[in-house]
N, C-alpha and C. Protein backbone atom coordinates (compact mmCIF):
# COMPACT_ATOMS: atom_id res chain seq x y z
N UNK A 1 -21.10 -8.02 -3.98
CA UNK A 1 -22.49 -7.98 -4.36
C UNK A 1 -23.08 -6.62 -3.98
N UNK A 2 -23.83 -6.04 -4.87
CA UNK A 2 -24.50 -4.76 -4.64
C UNK A 2 -25.91 -5.02 -4.12
N UNK A 3 -26.26 -4.31 -3.06
CA UNK A 3 -27.62 -4.41 -2.53
C UNK A 3 -28.12 -3.01 -2.20
N UNK A 4 -29.41 -2.82 -2.35
CA UNK A 4 -30.04 -1.54 -2.01
C UNK A 4 -31.44 -1.80 -1.48
N UNK A 5 -31.86 -0.96 -0.58
CA UNK A 5 -33.22 -1.00 -0.07
C UNK A 5 -33.55 0.36 0.51
N UNK A 6 -34.83 0.63 0.66
CA UNK A 6 -35.24 1.88 1.30
C UNK A 6 -36.57 1.68 2.00
N UNK A 7 -36.86 2.60 2.91
CA UNK A 7 -38.13 2.56 3.63
C UNK A 7 -38.49 3.99 4.02
N UNK A 8 -39.78 4.29 3.91
CA UNK A 8 -40.29 5.61 4.24
C UNK A 8 -40.82 5.62 5.68
N UNK A 9 -40.62 6.76 6.37
CA UNK A 9 -41.06 6.93 7.75
C UNK A 9 -41.79 8.26 7.88
N UNK A 10 -42.73 8.32 8.82
CA UNK A 10 -43.45 9.57 9.07
C UNK A 10 -42.55 10.53 9.83
N UNK A 11 -42.89 11.81 9.79
CA UNK A 11 -42.12 12.84 10.50
C UNK A 11 -42.55 12.85 11.96
N UNK A 12 -42.14 11.82 12.66
CA UNK A 12 -42.52 11.61 14.05
C UNK A 12 -41.31 11.08 14.79
N UNK A 13 -41.11 11.51 16.03
CA UNK A 13 -39.92 11.06 16.76
C UNK A 13 -39.89 9.55 16.96
N UNK A 14 -41.05 8.90 17.01
CA UNK A 14 -41.07 7.43 17.13
C UNK A 14 -40.49 6.76 15.89
N UNK A 15 -40.51 7.47 14.78
CA UNK A 15 -39.96 6.92 13.54
C UNK A 15 -38.44 6.78 13.59
N UNK A 16 -37.79 7.56 14.43
CA UNK A 16 -36.33 7.45 14.55
C UNK A 16 -35.96 6.06 15.04
N UNK A 17 -36.64 5.58 16.04
CA UNK A 17 -36.40 4.23 16.56
C UNK A 17 -36.71 3.18 15.49
N UNK A 18 -37.83 3.36 14.80
CA UNK A 18 -38.21 2.41 13.74
C UNK A 18 -37.16 2.40 12.63
N UNK A 19 -36.61 3.56 12.30
CA UNK A 19 -35.58 3.63 11.26
C UNK A 19 -34.31 2.89 11.71
N UNK A 20 -33.95 3.04 12.97
CA UNK A 20 -32.77 2.32 13.49
C UNK A 20 -32.99 0.81 13.40
N UNK A 21 -34.19 0.36 13.77
CA UNK A 21 -34.49 -1.07 13.70
C UNK A 21 -34.45 -1.56 12.25
N UNK A 22 -34.97 -0.78 11.32
CA UNK A 22 -34.91 -1.12 9.90
C UNK A 22 -33.46 -1.27 9.45
N UNK A 23 -32.62 -0.31 9.80
CA UNK A 23 -31.22 -0.36 9.41
C UNK A 23 -30.53 -1.60 9.99
N UNK A 24 -30.70 -1.83 11.29
CA UNK A 24 -30.04 -2.97 11.93
C UNK A 24 -30.52 -4.29 11.35
N UNK A 25 -31.82 -4.44 11.15
CA UNK A 25 -32.36 -5.68 10.59
C UNK A 25 -31.85 -5.91 9.18
N UNK A 26 -31.77 -4.84 8.40
CA UNK A 26 -31.28 -4.96 7.02
C UNK A 26 -29.82 -5.38 7.00
N UNK A 27 -28.99 -4.72 7.79
CA UNK A 27 -27.57 -5.05 7.78
C UNK A 27 -27.31 -6.45 8.35
N UNK A 28 -28.10 -6.87 9.32
CA UNK A 28 -27.98 -8.25 9.81
C UNK A 28 -28.35 -9.24 8.71
N UNK A 29 -29.43 -8.98 7.99
CA UNK A 29 -29.85 -9.87 6.89
C UNK A 29 -28.81 -9.91 5.79
N UNK A 30 -28.13 -8.80 5.55
CA UNK A 30 -27.09 -8.73 4.53
C UNK A 30 -25.74 -9.22 5.04
N UNK A 31 -25.65 -9.57 6.32
CA UNK A 31 -24.38 -9.96 6.96
C UNK A 31 -23.32 -8.87 6.77
N UNK A 32 -23.73 -7.63 7.04
CA UNK A 32 -22.85 -6.47 6.89
C UNK A 32 -22.86 -5.65 8.18
N UNK A 33 -22.44 -6.25 9.27
CA UNK A 33 -22.51 -5.59 10.57
C UNK A 33 -21.18 -4.97 11.02
N UNK A 34 -20.20 -4.91 10.11
CA UNK A 34 -18.88 -4.44 10.51
C UNK A 34 -18.86 -2.99 11.01
N UNK A 35 -19.78 -2.16 10.60
CA UNK A 35 -19.84 -0.76 11.05
C UNK A 35 -21.23 -0.43 11.61
N UNK A 36 -21.90 -1.45 12.13
CA UNK A 36 -23.29 -1.30 12.57
C UNK A 36 -23.46 -0.18 13.60
N UNK A 37 -22.63 -0.14 14.63
CA UNK A 37 -22.80 0.88 15.67
C UNK A 37 -22.66 2.29 15.11
N UNK A 38 -21.66 2.50 14.26
CA UNK A 38 -21.47 3.81 13.64
C UNK A 38 -22.68 4.19 12.79
N UNK A 39 -23.17 3.25 12.01
CA UNK A 39 -24.33 3.51 11.15
C UNK A 39 -25.58 3.82 11.95
N UNK A 40 -25.82 3.07 13.02
CA UNK A 40 -27.02 3.30 13.84
C UNK A 40 -26.97 4.68 14.48
N UNK A 41 -25.82 5.06 15.03
CA UNK A 41 -25.72 6.37 15.66
C UNK A 41 -25.89 7.49 14.64
N UNK A 42 -25.25 7.36 13.49
CA UNK A 42 -25.38 8.40 12.46
C UNK A 42 -26.81 8.48 11.93
N UNK A 43 -27.45 7.35 11.75
CA UNK A 43 -28.84 7.37 11.31
C UNK A 43 -29.72 8.07 12.35
N UNK A 44 -29.49 7.80 13.62
CA UNK A 44 -30.26 8.48 14.67
C UNK A 44 -30.15 9.99 14.54
N UNK A 45 -28.93 10.47 14.34
CA UNK A 45 -28.71 11.91 14.21
C UNK A 45 -29.39 12.48 12.96
N UNK A 46 -29.21 11.81 11.84
CA UNK A 46 -29.79 12.31 10.58
C UNK A 46 -31.31 12.22 10.59
N UNK A 47 -31.85 11.15 11.16
CA UNK A 47 -33.30 11.00 11.23
C UNK A 47 -33.91 12.04 12.18
N UNK A 48 -33.24 12.31 13.30
CA UNK A 48 -33.72 13.37 14.20
C UNK A 48 -33.76 14.70 13.48
N UNK A 49 -32.71 15.00 12.72
CA UNK A 49 -32.69 16.24 11.96
C UNK A 49 -33.85 16.28 10.96
N UNK A 50 -34.08 15.18 10.28
CA UNK A 50 -35.17 15.12 9.30
C UNK A 50 -36.52 15.35 9.98
N UNK A 51 -36.73 14.73 11.13
CA UNK A 51 -37.99 14.91 11.86
C UNK A 51 -38.13 16.35 12.32
N UNK A 52 -37.06 16.92 12.87
CA UNK A 52 -37.11 18.30 13.35
C UNK A 52 -37.44 19.28 12.24
N UNK A 53 -36.98 19.01 11.02
CA UNK A 53 -37.14 19.98 9.93
C UNK A 53 -38.29 19.67 8.98
N UNK A 54 -38.96 18.53 9.16
CA UNK A 54 -40.07 18.21 8.26
C UNK A 54 -41.40 18.14 8.99
N UNK A 55 -41.45 18.58 10.23
CA UNK A 55 -42.71 18.49 10.97
C UNK A 55 -43.79 19.40 10.40
N UNK A 56 -43.39 20.38 9.59
CA UNK A 56 -44.40 21.23 8.94
C UNK A 56 -45.02 20.52 7.74
N UNK A 57 -44.46 19.40 7.36
CA UNK A 57 -44.95 18.65 6.21
C UNK A 57 -45.23 17.22 6.63
N UNK A 58 -46.31 16.64 6.18
CA UNK A 58 -46.61 15.26 6.55
C UNK A 58 -45.77 14.24 5.76
N UNK A 59 -44.89 14.72 4.91
CA UNK A 59 -44.16 13.83 4.02
C UNK A 59 -43.19 12.90 4.72
N UNK A 60 -42.62 13.28 5.83
CA UNK A 60 -41.69 12.43 6.53
C UNK A 60 -40.34 12.35 5.87
N UNK A 61 -39.68 11.20 6.03
CA UNK A 61 -38.34 11.00 5.49
C UNK A 61 -38.18 9.56 5.03
N UNK A 62 -37.21 9.34 4.17
CA UNK A 62 -36.91 8.01 3.65
C UNK A 62 -35.47 7.66 3.97
N UNK A 63 -35.25 6.43 4.42
CA UNK A 63 -33.91 5.91 4.65
C UNK A 63 -33.59 4.97 3.51
N UNK A 64 -32.46 5.19 2.87
CA UNK A 64 -32.01 4.32 1.78
C UNK A 64 -30.62 3.80 2.12
N UNK A 65 -30.41 2.51 1.89
CA UNK A 65 -29.13 1.86 2.14
C UNK A 65 -28.61 1.24 0.85
N UNK A 66 -27.33 1.44 0.59
CA UNK A 66 -26.64 0.82 -0.54
C UNK A 66 -25.41 0.13 0.03
N UNK A 67 -25.21 -1.12 -0.33
CA UNK A 67 -24.03 -1.85 0.12
C UNK A 67 -23.32 -2.45 -1.08
N UNK A 68 -22.00 -2.38 -1.06
CA UNK A 68 -21.18 -3.04 -2.07
C UNK A 68 -19.92 -3.55 -1.37
N UNK A 69 -18.99 -4.07 -2.13
CA UNK A 69 -17.79 -4.66 -1.52
C UNK A 69 -16.91 -3.63 -0.83
N UNK A 70 -17.11 -2.36 -1.13
CA UNK A 70 -16.28 -1.31 -0.54
C UNK A 70 -16.85 -0.73 0.74
N UNK A 71 -18.15 -0.88 0.96
CA UNK A 71 -18.75 -0.32 2.16
C UNK A 71 -20.24 -0.12 2.03
N UNK A 72 -20.76 0.76 2.88
CA UNK A 72 -22.20 1.00 2.95
C UNK A 72 -22.44 2.51 2.87
N UNK A 73 -23.44 2.87 2.08
CA UNK A 73 -23.86 4.27 1.98
C UNK A 73 -25.24 4.39 2.60
N UNK A 74 -25.36 5.28 3.55
CA UNK A 74 -26.61 5.58 4.23
C UNK A 74 -27.12 6.91 3.69
N UNK A 75 -28.40 6.96 3.32
CA UNK A 75 -29.01 8.20 2.85
C UNK A 75 -30.28 8.46 3.64
N UNK A 76 -30.49 9.72 4.00
CA UNK A 76 -31.75 10.15 4.59
C UNK A 76 -32.31 11.25 3.69
N UNK A 77 -33.45 10.96 3.08
CA UNK A 77 -34.12 11.90 2.17
C UNK A 77 -35.22 12.60 2.96
N UNK A 78 -35.28 13.94 2.87
CA UNK A 78 -36.39 14.65 3.49
C UNK A 78 -36.88 15.76 2.56
N UNK A 79 -37.94 16.42 2.96
CA UNK A 79 -38.56 17.44 2.11
C UNK A 79 -38.14 18.86 2.46
N UNK A 80 -37.23 19.01 3.40
CA UNK A 80 -36.77 20.34 3.81
C UNK A 80 -35.73 20.86 2.82
N UNK A 81 -35.89 22.09 2.37
CA UNK A 81 -34.99 22.67 1.38
C UNK A 81 -33.87 23.49 1.99
N UNK A 82 -33.91 23.73 3.28
CA UNK A 82 -32.92 24.59 3.91
C UNK A 82 -31.51 24.01 3.87
N UNK A 83 -30.55 24.92 3.95
CA UNK A 83 -29.15 24.52 4.02
C UNK A 83 -28.88 23.89 5.37
N UNK A 84 -28.00 22.93 5.41
CA UNK A 84 -27.57 22.40 6.69
C UNK A 84 -26.14 22.86 6.92
N UNK A 85 -25.85 23.14 8.16
CA UNK A 85 -24.51 23.58 8.52
C UNK A 85 -24.06 22.84 9.76
N UNK A 86 -22.78 22.57 9.81
CA UNK A 86 -22.20 21.95 11.00
C UNK A 86 -22.14 23.02 12.08
N UNK A 87 -22.73 22.72 13.21
CA UNK A 87 -22.73 23.65 14.34
C UNK A 87 -21.44 23.48 15.15
N UNK A 88 -21.14 24.48 15.93
CA UNK A 88 -19.99 24.42 16.84
C UNK A 88 -20.49 24.78 18.23
N UNK A 89 -21.17 23.81 18.88
CA UNK A 89 -21.81 24.10 20.17
C UNK A 89 -20.79 24.29 21.29
N UNK A 90 -21.20 25.03 22.29
CA UNK A 90 -20.39 25.18 23.49
C UNK A 90 -20.67 24.00 24.41
N UNK A 91 -19.93 23.90 25.49
CA UNK A 91 -20.15 22.81 26.45
C UNK A 91 -21.54 22.88 27.07
N UNK A 92 -22.12 24.07 27.13
CA UNK A 92 -23.43 24.24 27.75
C UNK A 92 -24.59 23.95 26.79
N UNK A 93 -24.34 23.97 25.50
CA UNK A 93 -25.40 23.73 24.52
C UNK A 93 -25.89 22.28 24.61
N UNK A 94 -27.20 22.10 24.47
CA UNK A 94 -27.78 20.76 24.57
C UNK A 94 -28.08 20.15 23.21
N UNK A 95 -27.74 20.84 22.14
CA UNK A 95 -27.95 20.30 20.81
C UNK A 95 -26.89 20.86 19.88
N UNK A 96 -26.92 20.42 18.62
CA UNK A 96 -26.00 20.95 17.63
C UNK A 96 -24.79 20.08 17.36
N UNK A 97 -24.79 18.84 17.85
CA UNK A 97 -23.63 17.97 17.67
C UNK A 97 -23.84 16.87 16.64
N UNK A 98 -25.03 16.76 16.08
CA UNK A 98 -25.37 15.65 15.19
C UNK A 98 -24.45 15.50 14.00
N UNK A 99 -24.24 16.59 13.26
CA UNK A 99 -23.38 16.49 12.07
C UNK A 99 -21.91 16.34 12.44
N UNK A 100 -21.52 16.83 13.62
CA UNK A 100 -20.15 16.58 14.09
C UNK A 100 -19.94 15.09 14.32
N UNK A 101 -20.97 14.43 14.85
CA UNK A 101 -20.90 12.98 15.07
C UNK A 101 -20.82 12.26 13.73
N UNK A 102 -21.65 12.65 12.78
CA UNK A 102 -21.62 12.03 11.45
C UNK A 102 -20.25 12.24 10.81
N UNK A 103 -19.70 13.43 10.94
CA UNK A 103 -18.39 13.74 10.37
C UNK A 103 -17.30 12.87 10.99
N UNK A 104 -17.40 12.64 12.27
CA UNK A 104 -16.38 11.86 12.98
C UNK A 104 -16.48 10.36 12.67
N UNK A 105 -17.69 9.83 12.59
CA UNK A 105 -17.87 8.38 12.46
C UNK A 105 -17.88 7.87 11.02
N UNK A 106 -18.29 8.70 10.08
CA UNK A 106 -18.35 8.25 8.69
C UNK A 106 -17.01 8.52 8.01
N UNK A 107 -16.80 7.85 6.89
CA UNK A 107 -15.59 8.08 6.11
C UNK A 107 -15.76 9.25 5.15
N UNK A 108 -16.99 9.55 4.82
CA UNK A 108 -17.31 10.66 3.92
C UNK A 108 -18.79 10.95 4.08
N UNK A 109 -19.18 12.23 3.97
CA UNK A 109 -20.60 12.56 4.03
C UNK A 109 -20.84 13.84 3.25
N UNK A 110 -22.11 14.08 2.93
CA UNK A 110 -22.44 15.28 2.19
C UNK A 110 -23.94 15.46 2.06
N UNK A 111 -24.31 16.48 1.30
CA UNK A 111 -25.71 16.81 1.08
C UNK A 111 -25.94 16.99 -0.41
N UNK A 112 -27.00 16.41 -0.92
CA UNK A 112 -27.40 16.57 -2.31
C UNK A 112 -28.78 17.20 -2.33
N UNK A 113 -28.90 18.36 -2.94
CA UNK A 113 -30.22 19.00 -3.06
C UNK A 113 -30.99 18.36 -4.19
N UNK A 114 -32.27 18.11 -3.95
CA UNK A 114 -33.16 17.50 -4.94
C UNK A 114 -34.36 18.39 -5.15
N UNK A 115 -34.16 19.52 -5.72
CA UNK A 115 -35.27 20.45 -5.94
C UNK A 115 -36.22 19.86 -6.98
N UNK A 116 -37.49 19.90 -6.83
CA UNK A 116 -38.21 20.60 -5.78
C UNK A 116 -38.53 19.71 -4.59
N UNK A 117 -38.00 18.49 -4.55
CA UNK A 117 -38.43 17.53 -3.53
C UNK A 117 -37.80 17.73 -2.16
N UNK A 118 -36.61 18.23 -2.06
CA UNK A 118 -35.95 18.36 -0.77
C UNK A 118 -34.46 18.11 -0.89
N UNK A 119 -33.94 17.30 0.00
CA UNK A 119 -32.50 17.02 -0.01
C UNK A 119 -32.22 15.61 0.47
N UNK A 120 -30.99 15.17 0.20
CA UNK A 120 -30.48 13.89 0.70
C UNK A 120 -29.24 14.21 1.51
N UNK A 121 -29.22 13.75 2.75
CA UNK A 121 -27.99 13.80 3.54
C UNK A 121 -27.47 12.37 3.55
N UNK A 122 -26.24 12.19 3.11
CA UNK A 122 -25.69 10.85 2.95
C UNK A 122 -24.37 10.72 3.72
N UNK A 123 -24.06 9.48 4.06
CA UNK A 123 -22.80 9.19 4.73
C UNK A 123 -22.29 7.85 4.22
N UNK A 124 -21.00 7.78 3.98
CA UNK A 124 -20.35 6.57 3.46
C UNK A 124 -19.51 5.95 4.57
N UNK A 125 -19.64 4.64 4.73
CA UNK A 125 -18.91 3.88 5.73
C UNK A 125 -18.14 2.78 5.02
N UNK A 126 -16.84 2.95 4.93
CA UNK A 126 -16.01 1.97 4.24
C UNK A 126 -15.96 0.67 5.02
N UNK A 127 -15.77 -0.44 4.31
CA UNK A 127 -15.60 -1.73 4.97
C UNK A 127 -14.37 -1.66 5.87
N UNK A 128 -14.39 -2.43 6.94
CA UNK A 128 -13.30 -2.35 7.92
C UNK A 128 -12.11 -3.20 7.55
N UNK A 129 -12.14 -3.90 6.45
CA UNK A 129 -10.99 -4.71 6.04
C UNK A 129 -9.77 -3.80 5.93
N UNK A 130 -8.75 -4.13 6.69
CA UNK A 130 -7.53 -3.34 6.65
C UNK A 130 -7.53 -2.15 7.59
N UNK A 131 -8.64 -1.86 8.25
CA UNK A 131 -8.70 -0.76 9.20
C UNK A 131 -8.36 -1.28 10.59
N UNK A 132 -7.64 -0.49 11.35
CA UNK A 132 -7.35 -0.84 12.74
C UNK A 132 -8.56 -0.47 13.59
N UNK A 133 -9.02 -1.38 14.40
CA UNK A 133 -10.13 -1.11 15.29
C UNK A 133 -9.61 -1.09 16.71
N UNK A 134 -9.80 0.04 17.40
CA UNK A 134 -9.35 0.20 18.77
C UNK A 134 -10.36 -0.46 19.69
N UNK A 135 -9.93 -1.49 20.41
CA UNK A 135 -10.84 -2.22 21.29
C UNK A 135 -10.69 -1.81 22.75
N UNK A 136 -9.87 -0.79 23.02
CA UNK A 136 -9.72 -0.33 24.40
C UNK A 136 -10.99 0.38 24.84
N UNK A 137 -11.33 0.27 26.13
CA UNK A 137 -12.51 1.00 26.61
C UNK A 137 -12.25 2.50 26.53
N UNK A 138 -13.30 3.29 26.29
CA UNK A 138 -13.11 4.73 26.20
C UNK A 138 -12.71 5.32 27.54
N UNK A 139 -11.94 6.41 27.50
CA UNK A 139 -11.54 7.12 28.70
C UNK A 139 -12.74 7.93 29.18
N UNK A 140 -13.08 7.78 30.43
CA UNK A 140 -14.23 8.50 30.97
C UNK A 140 -13.75 9.55 31.96
N UNK A 141 -14.43 10.68 31.97
CA UNK A 141 -14.12 11.73 32.93
C UNK A 141 -15.34 11.95 33.80
N UNK A 142 -15.09 12.34 35.02
CA UNK A 142 -16.19 12.59 35.95
C UNK A 142 -16.92 13.87 35.56
N UNK A 143 -18.21 13.90 35.80
CA UNK A 143 -19.00 15.10 35.55
C UNK A 143 -18.80 16.06 36.72
N UNK A 144 -18.80 17.36 36.47
CA UNK A 144 -18.67 18.32 37.56
C UNK A 144 -19.83 18.19 38.53
N UNK A 145 -19.57 18.53 39.80
CA UNK A 145 -20.62 18.46 40.82
C UNK A 145 -21.81 19.30 40.39
N UNK A 146 -22.99 18.76 40.62
CA UNK A 146 -24.20 19.49 40.28
C UNK A 146 -24.61 19.38 38.82
N UNK A 147 -23.85 18.66 38.01
CA UNK A 147 -24.18 18.51 36.59
C UNK A 147 -25.37 17.56 36.46
N UNK A 148 -26.36 17.98 35.69
CA UNK A 148 -27.51 17.12 35.42
C UNK A 148 -27.63 16.93 33.93
N UNK A 149 -27.93 15.72 33.55
CA UNK A 149 -28.15 15.44 32.13
C UNK A 149 -29.44 16.12 31.69
N UNK A 150 -29.45 16.58 30.45
CA UNK A 150 -30.66 17.19 29.90
C UNK A 150 -31.17 16.33 28.75
N UNK A 151 -32.48 16.35 28.55
CA UNK A 151 -33.07 15.58 27.47
C UNK A 151 -32.86 16.29 26.15
N UNK A 152 -32.58 15.52 25.13
CA UNK A 152 -32.43 16.08 23.78
C UNK A 152 -33.81 16.40 23.23
N UNK A 153 -33.84 17.26 22.22
CA UNK A 153 -35.10 17.60 21.57
C UNK A 153 -35.78 16.38 20.98
N UNK A 154 -35.02 15.57 20.33
CA UNK A 154 -35.56 14.40 19.64
C UNK A 154 -35.40 13.20 20.54
N UNK A 155 -36.47 12.72 21.10
CA UNK A 155 -36.40 11.56 22.00
C UNK A 155 -36.34 10.30 21.17
N UNK A 156 -35.32 9.49 21.47
CA UNK A 156 -35.14 8.26 20.71
C UNK A 156 -35.07 7.08 21.63
């Protein structure tokens, strides 16, 4: 079954949380939670980027979801026309990892320019049928002495 929905959000950091809740509630209603954690994290990153780049415009951003038997497509539409590039941050950098996360967690992603309106950053998440899911806990490493966590630009 094919399903689609969308919702518009203001260019405000509080909207990132609201967008995550919209996504989670939608996927729960559709009974499509097989990749929920990946989708929520990727949406957080894409929505933060949209907020960071559209604050000069009151237009905000739109989240669109498409689901079919093969998976789920997440889209974030914004009014920013600039090119996006995957950053390669150093260990000391406190930002620049968002698209690396999207690249790692999604099965496919890209950008579609919609001149004059802006762009769409999209990510595809295939259904997990037939995929191996690693249920082992992640390996954790100790932080170096004196290391302090820093707050990200986009508070979520």
